[in-house]
Amino acid sequence: MTTAAYEDVSPHTGAPHADRTLVLKLARSRHYPSRQTLLDFGKTLCHVRSPERVIERIGQAMSDTLAEHRHRIEPGFFQRLKSEWDSGRAAVAPAMVHGGR
């Protein structure tokens, strides 16, 4: 569930902000997990043989869902949601290896 796409107002400052904490803990934390944390969780607790593939499939499903339902989402909210989803997918993407000669 992506709650960070919904604008909220800080009760202390009155400034708009996004809540980027998990509702439930994962690996004893409410911070967004790293790729390695998700891989470890998938392998160790969920007994998934290839959690890398699951992460990729979920990312693709997110992209497909946005494309399919874009016409149903208010444009401003769509951009916030897309931005949050893009950031989330980028955060758990495999590390890019730059090759040289």
PDB file of N, CA and C in Angstrom:
ATOM      1  N   MET A   1       0.860  -1.173   0.000  1.00  0.00           N
ATOM      2  CA  MET A   1       0.000   0.000   0.000  1.00  0.00           C
ATOM      3  C   MET A   1       0.901   1.229   0.000  1.00  0.00           C
ATOM      4  N   THR A   2       0.704   2.094  -0.941  1.00  0.00           N
ATOM      5  CA  THR A   2       1.526   3.295  -1.059  1.00  0.00           C
ATOM      6  C   THR A   2       0.784   4.479  -0.450  1.00  0.00           C
ATOM      7  N   THR A   3       1.090   4.788   0.796  1.00  0.00           N
ATOM      8  CA  THR A   3       0.438   5.928   1.436  1.00  0.00           C
ATOM      9  C   THR A   3       1.213   7.219   1.203  1.00  0.00           C
ATOM     10  N   ALA A   4       2.475   7.115   0.791  1.00  0.00           N
ATOM     11  CA  ALA A   4       3.296   8.313   0.585  1.00  0.00           C
ATOM     12  C   ALA A   4       2.774   9.188  -0.552  1.00  0.00           C
ATOM     13  N   ALA A   5       1.949   8.636  -1.427  1.00  0.00           N
ATOM     14  CA  ALA A   5       1.400   9.425  -2.532  1.00  0.00           C
ATOM     15  C   ALA A   5       0.319  10.397  -2.067  1.00  0.00           C
ATOM     16  N   TYR A   6      -0.213  10.153  -0.866  1.00  0.00           N
ATOM     17  CA  TYR A   6      -1.246  11.033  -0.319  1.00  0.00           C
ATOM     18  C   TYR A   6      -0.573  12.145   0.476  1.00  0.00           C
ATOM     19  N   GLU A   7      -0.919  13.375   0.156  1.00  0.00           N
ATOM     20  CA  GLU A   7      -0.326  14.498   0.872  1.00  0.00           C
ATOM     21  C   GLU A   7      -0.907  14.574   2.276  1.00  0.00           C
ATOM     22  N   ASP A   8      -0.044  14.851   3.212  1.00  0.00           N
ATOM     23  CA  ASP A   8      -0.434  14.974   4.606  1.00  0.00           C
ATOM     24  C   ASP A   8       0.175  16.271   5.126  1.00  0.00           C
ATOM     25  N   VAL A   9      -0.329  16.757   6.220  1.00  0.00           N
ATOM     26  CA  VAL A   9       0.191  17.987   6.813  1.00  0.00           C
ATOM     27  C   VAL A   9       0.766  17.651   8.180  1.00  0.00           C
ATOM     28  N   SER A  10       1.981  18.097   8.423  1.00  0.00           N
ATOM     29  CA  SER A  10       2.628  17.864   9.710  1.00  0.00           C
ATOM     30  C   SER A  10       1.865  18.602  10.799  1.00  0.00           C
ATOM     31  N   PRO A  11       1.484  17.918  11.857  1.00  0.00           N
ATOM     32  CA  PRO A  11       0.777  18.600  12.946  1.00  0.00           C
ATOM     33  C   PRO A  11       1.687  19.571  13.698  1.00  0.00           C
ATOM     34  N   HIS A  12       2.987  19.392  13.580  1.00  0.00           N
ATOM     35  CA  HIS A  12       3.941  20.251  14.292  1.00  0.00           C
ATOM     36  C   HIS A  12       4.274  21.527  13.526  1.00  0.00           C
ATOM     37  N   THR A  13       4.430  21.395  12.198  1.00  0.00           N
ATOM     38  CA  THR A  13       4.869  22.555  11.415  1.00  0.00           C
ATOM     39  C   THR A  13       3.803  23.094  10.468  1.00  0.00           C
ATOM     40  N   GLY A  14       2.801  22.270  10.174  1.00  0.00           N
ATOM     41  CA  GLY A  14       1.782  22.673   9.212  1.00  0.00           C
ATOM     42  C   GLY A  14       2.240  22.504   7.769  1.00  0.00           C
ATOM     43  N   ALA A  15       3.476  22.024   7.571  1.00  0.00           N
ATOM     44  CA  ALA A  15       4.014  21.839   6.226  1.00  0.00           C
ATOM     45  C   ALA A  15       3.554  20.503   5.642  1.00  0.00           C
ATOM     46  N   PRO A  16       3.325  20.467   4.330  1.00  0.00           N
ATOM     47  CA  PRO A  16       2.962  19.187   3.710  1.00  0.00           C
ATOM     48  C   PRO A  16       4.148  18.225   3.735  1.00  0.00           C
ATOM     49  N   HIS A  17       3.851  16.960   3.923  1.00  0.00           N
ATOM     50  CA  HIS A  17       4.902  15.943   3.901  1.00  0.00           C
ATOM     51  C   HIS A  17       4.287  14.591   3.544  1.00  0.00           C
ATOM     52  N   ALA A  18       5.140  13.652   3.179  1.00  0.00           N
ATOM     53  CA  ALA A  18       4.702  12.294   2.870  1.00  0.00           C
ATOM     54  C   ALA A  18       5.237  11.355   3.939  1.00  0.00           C
ATOM     55  N   ASP A  19       4.396  10.483   4.414  1.00  0.00           N
ATOM     56  CA  ASP A  19       4.801   9.488   5.406  1.00  0.00           C
ATOM     57  C   ASP A  19       5.396   8.300   4.666  1.00  0.00           C
ATOM     58  N   ARG A  20       6.680   8.108   4.808  1.00  0.00           N
ATOM     59  CA  ARG A  20       7.369   7.011   4.120  1.00  0.00           C
ATOM     60  C   ARG A  20       7.826   5.938   5.108  1.00  0.00           C
ATOM     61  N   THR A  21       6.957   5.576   6.018  1.00  0.00           N
ATOM     62  CA  THR A  21       7.255   4.482   6.935  1.00  0.00           C
ATOM     63  C   THR A  21       6.267   3.351   6.684  1.00  0.00           C
ATOM     64  N   LEU A  22       6.718   2.145   6.921  1.00  0.00           N
ATOM     65  CA  LEU A  22       5.854   0.984   6.770  1.00  0.00           C
ATOM     66  C   LEU A  22       4.906   0.882   7.955  1.00  0.00           C
ATOM     67  N   VAL A  23       3.718   0.398   7.713  1.00  0.00           N
ATOM     68  CA  VAL A  23       2.753   0.201   8.794  1.00  0.00           C
ATOM     69  C   VAL A  23       3.207  -0.958   9.669  1.00  0.00           C
ATOM     70  N   LEU A  24       3.711  -2.009   9.046  1.00  0.00           N
ATOM     71  CA  LEU A  24       4.205  -3.173   9.772  1.00  0.00           C
ATOM     72  C   LEU A  24       5.728  -3.233   9.640  1.00  0.00           C
ATOM     73  N   LYS A  25       6.369  -3.759  10.639  1.00  0.00           N
ATOM     74  CA  LYS A  25       7.818  -3.887  10.594  1.00  0.00           C
ATOM     75  C   LYS A  25       8.234  -5.025   9.670  1.00  0.00           C
ATOM     76  N   LEU A  26       9.345  -4.816   9.002  1.00  0.00           N
ATOM     77  CA  LEU A  26       9.996  -5.844   8.205  1.00  0.00           C
ATOM     78  C   LEU A  26      11.460  -5.828   8.620  1.00  0.00           C
ATOM     79  N   ALA A  27      11.963  -6.948   9.065  1.00  0.00           N
ATOM     80  CA  ALA A  27      13.342  -7.028   9.578  1.00  0.00           C
ATOM     81  C   ALA A  27      13.539  -6.035  10.729  1.00  0.00           C
ATOM     82  N   ARG A  28      12.549  -5.965  11.599  1.00  0.00           N
ATOM     83  CA  ARG A  28      12.583  -5.127  12.807  1.00  0.00           C
ATOM     84  C   ARG A  28      12.651  -3.624  12.523  1.00  0.00           C
ATOM     85  N   SER A  29      12.185  -3.216  11.348  1.00  0.00           N
ATOM     86  CA  SER A  29      12.244  -1.805  10.992  1.00  0.00           C
ATOM     87  C   SER A  29      10.978  -1.397  10.244  1.00  0.00           C
ATOM     88  N   ARG A  30      10.621  -0.125  10.371  1.00  0.00           N
ATOM     89  CA  ARG A  30       9.504   0.420   9.609  1.00  0.00           C
ATOM     90  C   ARG A  30       9.996   1.251   8.421  1.00  0.00           C
ATOM     91  N   HIS A  31      11.312   1.263   8.210  1.00  0.00           N
ATOM     92  CA  HIS A  31      11.875   1.953   7.050  1.00  0.00           C
ATOM     93  C   HIS A  31      11.698   1.078   5.813  1.00  0.00           C
ATOM     94  N   TYR A  32      11.637   1.710   4.645  1.00  0.00           N
ATOM     95  CA  TYR A  32      11.534   0.935   3.418  1.00  0.00           C
ATOM     96  C   TYR A  32      12.720  -0.014   3.336  1.00  0.00           C
ATOM     97  N   PRO A  33      12.495  -1.272   2.989  1.00  0.00           N
ATOM     98  CA  PRO A  33      13.587  -2.244   2.968  1.00  0.00           C
ATOM     99  C   PRO A  33      14.493  -2.077   1.749  1.00  0.00           C
ATOM    100  N   SER A  34      15.716  -2.489   1.928  1.00  0.00           N
ATOM    101  CA  SER A  34      16.665  -2.520   0.809  1.00  0.00           C
ATOM    102  C   SER A  34      16.382  -3.757  -0.038  1.00  0.00           C
ATOM    103  N   ARG A  35      16.983  -3.818  -1.193  1.00  0.00           N
ATOM    104  CA  ARG A  35      16.852  -4.999  -2.043  1.00  0.00           C
ATOM    105  C   ARG A  35      17.320  -6.240  -1.281  1.00  0.00           C
ATOM    106  N   GLN A  36      18.460  -6.128  -0.608  1.00  0.00           N
ATOM    107  CA  GLN A  36      18.992  -7.288   0.099  1.00  0.00           C
ATOM    108  C   GLN A  36      18.060  -7.745   1.214  1.00  0.00           C
ATOM    109  N   THR A  37      17.442  -6.816   1.913  1.00  0.00           N
ATOM    110  CA  THR A  37      16.490  -7.179   2.960  1.00  0.00           C
ATOM    111  C   THR A  37      15.316  -7.950   2.368  1.00  0.00           C
ATOM    112  N   LEU A  38      14.808  -7.498   1.221  1.00  0.00           N
ATOM    113  CA  LEU A  38      13.698  -8.208   0.574  1.00  0.00           C
ATOM    114  C   LEU A  38      14.131  -9.589   0.093  1.00  0.00           C
ATOM    115  N   LEU A  39      15.331  -9.678  -0.477  1.00  0.00           N
ATOM    116  CA  LEU A  39      15.829 -10.972  -0.944  1.00  0.00           C
ATOM    117  C   LEU A  39      15.971 -11.946   0.222  1.00  0.00           C
ATOM    118  N   ASP A  40      16.548 -11.473   1.325  1.00  0.00           N
ATOM    119  CA  ASP A  40      16.709 -12.316   2.513  1.00  0.00           C
ATOM    120  C   ASP A  40      15.350 -12.756   3.060  1.00  0.00           C
ATOM    121  N   PHE A  41      14.410 -11.835   3.129  1.00  0.00           N
ATOM    122  CA  PHE A  41      13.064 -12.147   3.601  1.00  0.00           C
ATOM    123  C   PHE A  41      12.424 -13.210   2.709  1.00  0.00           C
ATOM    124  N   GLY A  42      12.517 -13.022   1.401  1.00  0.00           N
ATOM    125  CA  GLY A  42      11.932 -13.976   0.464  1.00  0.00           C
ATOM    126  C   GLY A  42      12.526 -15.367   0.596  1.00  0.00           C
ATOM    127  N   LYS A  43      13.844 -15.428   0.689  1.00  0.00           N
ATOM    128  CA  LYS A  43      14.516 -16.730   0.775  1.00  0.00           C
ATOM    129  C   LYS A  43      14.311 -17.392   2.128  1.00  0.00           C
ATOM    130  N   THR A  44      14.522 -16.643   3.200  1.00  0.00           N
ATOM    131  CA  THR A  44      14.549 -17.210   4.550  1.00  0.00           C
ATOM    132  C   THR A  44      13.157 -17.474   5.123  1.00  0.00           C
ATOM    133  N   LEU A  45      12.300 -16.489   5.079  1.00  0.00           N
ATOM    134  CA  LEU A  45      10.997 -16.628   5.736  1.00  0.00           C
ATOM    135  C   LEU A  45       9.892 -17.123   4.811  1.00  0.00           C
ATOM    136  N   CYS A  46       9.982 -16.767   3.527  1.00  0.00           N
ATOM    137  CA  CYS A  46       8.919 -17.160   2.589  1.00  0.00           C
ATOM    138  C   CYS A  46       9.300 -18.385   1.764  1.00  0.00           C
ATOM    139  N   HIS A  47      10.567 -18.798   1.855  1.00  0.00           N
ATOM    140  CA  HIS A  47      11.063 -19.968   1.128  1.00  0.00           C
ATOM    141  C   HIS A  47      10.857 -19.849  -0.380  1.00  0.00           C
ATOM    142  N   VAL A  48      11.092 -18.657  -0.902  1.00  0.00           N
ATOM    143  CA  VAL A  48      10.994 -18.406  -2.340  1.00  0.00           C
ATOM    144  C   VAL A  48      12.352 -18.731  -2.950  1.00  0.00           C
ATOM    145  N   ARG A  49      12.352 -19.559  -3.968  1.00  0.00           N
ATOM    146  CA  ARG A  49      13.595 -20.001  -4.584  1.00  0.00           C
ATOM    147  C   ARG A  49      14.313 -18.857  -5.310  1.00  0.00           C
ATOM    148  N   SER A  50      13.572 -18.004  -6.005  1.00  0.00           N
ATOM    149  CA  SER A  50      14.167 -16.901  -6.773  1.00  0.00           C
ATOM    150  C   SER A  50      13.456 -15.584  -6.461  1.00  0.00           C
ATOM    151  N   PRO A  51      13.700 -15.006  -5.282  1.00  0.00           N
ATOM    152  CA  PRO A  51      13.003 -13.760  -4.943  1.00  0.00           C
ATOM    153  C   PRO A  51      13.347 -12.611  -5.894  1.00  0.00           C
ATOM    154  N   GLU A  52      14.488 -12.682  -6.565  1.00  0.00           N
ATOM    155  CA  GLU A  52      14.844 -11.646  -7.543  1.00  0.00           C
ATOM    156  C   GLU A  52      13.783 -11.573  -8.633  1.00  0.00           C
ATOM    157  N   ARG A  53      13.342 -12.742  -9.087  1.00  0.00           N
ATOM    158  CA  ARG A  53      12.323 -12.790 -10.143  1.00  0.00           C
ATOM    159  C   ARG A  53      10.987 -12.250  -9.645  1.00  0.00           C
ATOM    160  N   VAL A  54      10.676 -12.507  -8.390  1.00  0.00           N
ATOM    161  CA  VAL A  54       9.422 -12.005  -7.817  1.00  0.00           C
ATOM    162  C   VAL A  54       9.454 -10.479  -7.767  1.00  0.00           C
ATOM    163  N   ILE A  55      10.572  -9.913  -7.335  1.00  0.00           N
ATOM    164  CA  ILE A  55      10.705  -8.452  -7.286  1.00  0.00           C
ATOM    165  C   ILE A  55      10.509  -7.865  -8.678  1.00  0.00           C
ATOM    166  N   GLU A  56      11.120  -8.475  -9.685  1.00  0.00           N
ATOM    167  CA  GLU A  56      10.988  -7.983 -11.059  1.00  0.00           C
ATOM    168  C   GLU A  56       9.547  -8.096 -11.558  1.00  0.00           C
ATOM    169  N   ARG A  57       8.884  -9.211 -11.243  1.00  0.00           N
ATOM    170  CA  ARG A  57       7.495  -9.394 -11.672  1.00  0.00           C
ATOM    171  C   ARG A  57       6.571  -8.378 -11.014  1.00  0.00           C
ATOM    172  N   ILE A  58       6.798  -8.098  -9.745  1.00  0.00           N
ATOM    173  CA  ILE A  58       5.973  -7.109  -9.045  1.00  0.00           C
ATOM    174  C   ILE A  58       6.191  -5.726  -9.664  1.00  0.00           C
ATOM    175  N   GLY A  59       7.446  -5.377  -9.928  1.00  0.00           N
ATOM    176  CA  GLY A  59       7.743  -4.088 -10.567  1.00  0.00           C
ATOM    177  C   GLY A  59       7.056  -3.955 -11.915  1.00  0.00           C
ATOM    178  N   GLN A  60       7.085  -5.015 -12.704  1.00  0.00           N
ATOM    179  CA  GLN A  60       6.422  -4.987 -14.010  1.00  0.00           C
ATOM    180  C   GLN A  60       4.914  -4.865 -13.849  1.00  0.00           C
ATOM    181  N   ALA A  61       4.350  -5.569 -12.874  1.00  0.00           N
ATOM    182  CA  ALA A  61       2.905  -5.485 -12.626  1.00  0.00           C
ATOM    183  C   ALA A  61       2.506  -4.071 -12.210  1.00  0.00           C
ATOM    184  N   MET A  62       3.372  -3.407 -11.440  1.00  0.00           N
ATOM    185  CA  MET A  62       3.085  -2.021 -11.049  1.00  0.00           C
ATOM    186  C   MET A  62       3.048  -1.130 -12.286  1.00  0.00           C
ATOM    187  N   SER A  63       4.025  -1.284 -13.167  1.00  0.00           N
ATOM    188  CA  SER A  63       4.063  -0.485 -14.399  1.00  0.00           C
ATOM    189  C   SER A  63       2.839  -0.752 -15.264  1.00  0.00           C
ATOM    190  N   ASP A  64       2.502  -2.025 -15.412  1.00  0.00           N
ATOM    191  CA  ASP A  64       1.341  -2.392 -16.222  1.00  0.00           C
ATOM    192  C   ASP A  64       0.047  -1.818 -15.646  1.00  0.00           C
ATOM    193  N   THR A  65      -0.085  -1.866 -14.323  1.00  0.00           N
ATOM    194  CA  THR A  65      -1.290  -1.347 -13.668  1.00  0.00           C
ATOM    195  C   THR A  65      -1.429   0.151 -13.884  1.00  0.00           C
ATOM    196  N   LEU A  66      -0.323   0.889 -13.721  1.00  0.00           N
ATOM    197  CA  LEU A  66      -0.380   2.335 -13.957  1.00  0.00           C
ATOM    198  C   LEU A  66      -0.781   2.637 -15.395  1.00  0.00           C
ATOM    199  N   ALA A  67      -0.195   1.933 -16.336  1.00  0.00           N
ATOM    200  CA  ALA A  67      -0.508   2.179 -17.748  1.00  0.00           C
ATOM    201  C   ALA A  67      -1.974   1.862 -18.052  1.00  0.00           C
ATOM    202  N   GLU A  68      -2.455   0.757 -17.516  1.00  0.00           N
ATOM    203  CA  GLU A  68      -3.826   0.330 -17.800  1.00  0.00           C
ATOM    204  C   GLU A  68      -4.878   1.245 -17.177  1.00  0.00           C
ATOM    205  N   HIS A  69      -4.590   1.791 -16.011  1.00  0.00           N
ATOM    206  CA  HIS A  69      -5.607   2.553 -15.282  1.00  0.00           C
ATOM    207  C   HIS A  69      -5.343   4.054 -15.231  1.00  0.00           C
ATOM    208  N   ARG A  70      -4.372   4.529 -15.977  1.00  0.00           N
ATOM    209  CA  ARG A  70      -4.034   5.956 -15.957  1.00  0.00           C
ATOM    210  C   ARG A  70      -5.253   6.845 -16.207  1.00  0.00           C
ATOM    211  N   HIS A  71      -6.092   6.447 -17.118  1.00  0.00           N
ATOM    212  CA  HIS A  71      -7.274   7.255 -17.470  1.00  0.00           C
ATOM    213  C   HIS A  71      -8.269   7.389 -16.323  1.00  0.00           C
ATOM    214  N   ARG A  72      -8.164   6.536 -15.321  1.00  0.00           N
ATOM    215  CA  ARG A  72      -9.090   6.558 -14.194  1.00  0.00           C
ATOM    216  C   ARG A  72      -8.577   7.370 -13.012  1.00  0.00           C
ATOM    217  N   ILE A  73      -7.325   7.832 -13.093  1.00  0.00           N
ATOM    218  CA  ILE A  73      -6.686   8.488 -11.955  1.00  0.00           C
ATOM    219  C   ILE A  73      -6.507   9.973 -12.235  1.00  0.00           C
ATOM    220  N   GLU A  74      -6.876  10.799 -11.280  1.00  0.00           N
ATOM    221  CA  GLU A  74      -6.707  12.258 -11.407  1.00  0.00           C
ATOM    222  C   GLU A  74      -5.231  12.533 -11.722  1.00  0.00           C
ATOM    223  N   PRO A  75      -4.950  13.401 -12.715  1.00  0.00           N
ATOM    224  CA  PRO A  75      -3.572  13.612 -13.179  1.00  0.00           C
ATOM    225  C   PRO A  75      -2.553  13.982 -12.095  1.00  0.00           C
ATOM    226  N   GLY A  76      -2.919  14.861 -11.169  1.00  0.00           N
ATOM    227  CA  GLY A  76      -1.975  15.238 -10.117  1.00  0.00           C
ATOM    228  C   GLY A  76      -1.633  14.067  -9.213  1.00  0.00           C
ATOM    229  N   PHE A  77      -2.658  13.299  -8.851  1.00  0.00           N
ATOM    230  CA  PHE A  77      -2.421  12.132  -8.008  1.00  0.00           C
ATOM    231  C   PHE A  77      -1.650  11.070  -8.772  1.00  0.00           C
ATOM    232  N   PHE A  78      -1.969  10.902 -10.046  1.00  0.00           N
ATOM    233  CA  PHE A  78      -1.240   9.930 -10.871  1.00  0.00           C
ATOM    234  C   PHE A  78       0.258  10.230 -10.854  1.00  0.00           C
ATOM    235  N   GLN A  79       0.622  11.498 -10.999  1.00  0.00           N
ATOM    236  CA  GLN A  79       2.043  11.851 -11.018  1.00  0.00           C
ATOM    237  C   GLN A  79       2.708  11.558  -9.669  1.00  0.00           C
ATOM    238  N   ARG A  80       2.021  11.850  -8.567  1.00  0.00           N
ATOM    239  CA  ARG A  80       2.583  11.542  -7.244  1.00  0.00           C
ATOM    240  C   ARG A  80       2.739  10.038  -7.048  1.00  0.00           C
ATOM    241  N   LEU A  81       1.706   9.287  -7.438  1.00  0.00           N
ATOM    242  CA  LEU A  81       1.749   7.837  -7.304  1.00  0.00           C
ATOM    243  C   LEU A  81       2.855   7.245  -8.170  1.00  0.00           C
ATOM    244  N   LYS A  82       2.944   7.688  -9.413  1.00  0.00           N
ATOM    245  CA  LYS A  82       3.984   7.202 -10.321  1.00  0.00           C
ATOM    246  C   LYS A  82       5.369   7.511  -9.767  1.00  0.00           C
ATOM    247  N   SER A  83       5.543   8.698  -9.243  1.00  0.00           N
ATOM    248  CA  SER A  83       6.831   9.085  -8.672  1.00  0.00           C
ATOM    249  C   SER A  83       7.207   8.179  -7.499  1.00  0.00           C
ATOM    250  N   GLU A  84       6.258   7.915  -6.611  1.00  0.00           N
ATOM    251  CA  GLU A  84       6.522   7.038  -5.468  1.00  0.00           C
ATOM    252  C   GLU A  84       6.830   5.617  -5.930  1.00  0.00           C
ATOM    253  N   TRP A  85       6.055   5.124  -6.880  1.00  0.00           N
ATOM    254  CA  TRP A  85       6.285   3.759  -7.373  1.00  0.00           C
ATOM    255  C   TRP A  85       7.621   3.671  -8.106  1.00  0.00           C
ATOM    256  N   ASP A  86       7.953   4.689  -8.896  1.00  0.00           N
ATOM    257  CA  ASP A  86       9.245   4.693  -9.592  1.00  0.00           C
ATOM    258  C   ASP A  86      10.395   4.676  -8.592  1.00  0.00           C
ATOM    259  N   SER A  87      10.275   5.479  -7.539  1.00  0.00           N
ATOM    260  CA  SER A  87      11.320   5.516  -6.509  1.00  0.00           C
ATOM    261  C   SER A  87      11.447   4.173  -5.800  1.00  0.00           C
ATOM    262  N   GLY A  88      10.323   3.565  -5.493  1.00  0.00           N
ATOM    263  CA  GLY A  88      10.339   2.274  -4.825  1.00  0.00           C
ATOM    264  C   GLY A  88      10.966   1.189  -5.678  1.00  0.00           C
ATOM    265  N   ARG A  89      10.604   1.168  -6.965  1.00  0.00           N
ATOM    266  CA  ARG A  89      11.195   0.170  -7.862  1.00  0.00           C
ATOM    267  C   ARG A  89      12.686   0.408  -8.030  1.00  0.00           C
ATOM    268  N   ALA A  90      13.096   1.659  -8.133  1.00  0.00           N
ATOM    269  CA  ALA A  90      14.521   1.976  -8.288  1.00  0.00           C
ATOM    270  C   ALA A  90      15.303   1.576  -7.042  1.00  0.00           C
ATOM    271  N   ALA A  91      14.700   1.722  -5.876  1.00  0.00           N
ATOM    272  CA  ALA A  91      15.387   1.407  -4.630  1.00  0.00           C
ATOM    273  C   ALA A  91      15.692  -0.083  -4.481  1.00  0.00           C
ATOM    274  N   VAL A  92      14.910  -0.943  -5.128  1.00  0.00           N
ATOM    275  CA  VAL A  92      15.143  -2.381  -5.010  1.00  0.00           C
ATOM    276  C   VAL A  92      15.629  -3.008  -6.316  1.00  0.00           C
ATOM    277  N   ALA A  93      15.984  -2.164  -7.271  1.00  0.00           N
ATOM    278  CA  ALA A  93      16.525  -2.669  -8.545  1.00  0.00           C
ATOM    279  C   ALA A  93      17.919  -3.219  -8.327  1.00  0.00           C
ATOM    280  N   PRO A  94      18.321  -4.164  -9.174  1.00  0.00           N
ATOM    281  CA  PRO A  94      19.683  -4.687  -9.045  1.00  0.00           C
ATOM    282  C   PRO A  94      20.704  -3.572  -9.300  1.00  0.00           C
ATOM    283  N   ALA A  95      21.846  -3.686  -8.655  1.00  0.00           N
ATOM    284  CA  ALA A  95      22.902  -2.706  -8.847  1.00  0.00           C
ATOM    285  C   ALA A  95      23.375  -2.737 -10.294  1.00  0.00           C
ATOM    286  N   MET A  96      23.586  -1.565 -10.840  1.00  0.00           N
ATOM    287  CA  MET A  96      24.092  -1.465 -12.207  1.00  0.00           C
ATOM    288  C   MET A  96      25.609  -1.628 -12.181  1.00  0.00           C
ATOM    289  N   VAL A  97      26.102  -2.484 -13.034  1.00  0.00           N
ATOM    290  CA  VAL A  97      27.546  -2.702 -13.133  1.00  0.00           C
ATOM    291  C   VAL A  97      28.016  -2.029 -14.406  1.00  0.00           C
ATOM    292  N   HIS A  98      28.951  -1.127 -14.267  1.00  0.00           N
ATOM    293  CA  HIS A  98      29.488  -0.414 -15.419  1.00  0.00           C
ATOM    294  C   HIS A  98      30.752  -1.108 -15.878  1.00  0.00           C
ATOM    295  N   GLY A  99      30.723  -1.577 -17.093  1.00  0.00           N
ATOM    296  CA  GLY A  99      31.895  -2.269 -17.629  1.00  0.00           C
ATOM    297  C   GLY A  99      32.834  -1.303 -18.323  1.00  0.00           C
ATOM    298  N   GLY A 100      34.038  -1.636 -18.346  1.00  0.00           N
ATOM    299  CA  GLY A 100      35.030  -0.818 -19.029  1.00  0.00           C
ATOM    300  C   GLY A 100      35.877  -1.676 -19.911  1.00  0.00           C
ATOM    301  N   ARG A 101      36.764  -1.059 -20.604  1.00  0.00           N
ATOM    302  CA  ARG A 101      37.659  -1.797 -21.485  1.00  0.00           C
ATOM    303  C   ARG A 101      38.880  -2.211 -20.776  1.00  0.00           C
TER     304      ARG A 101
END
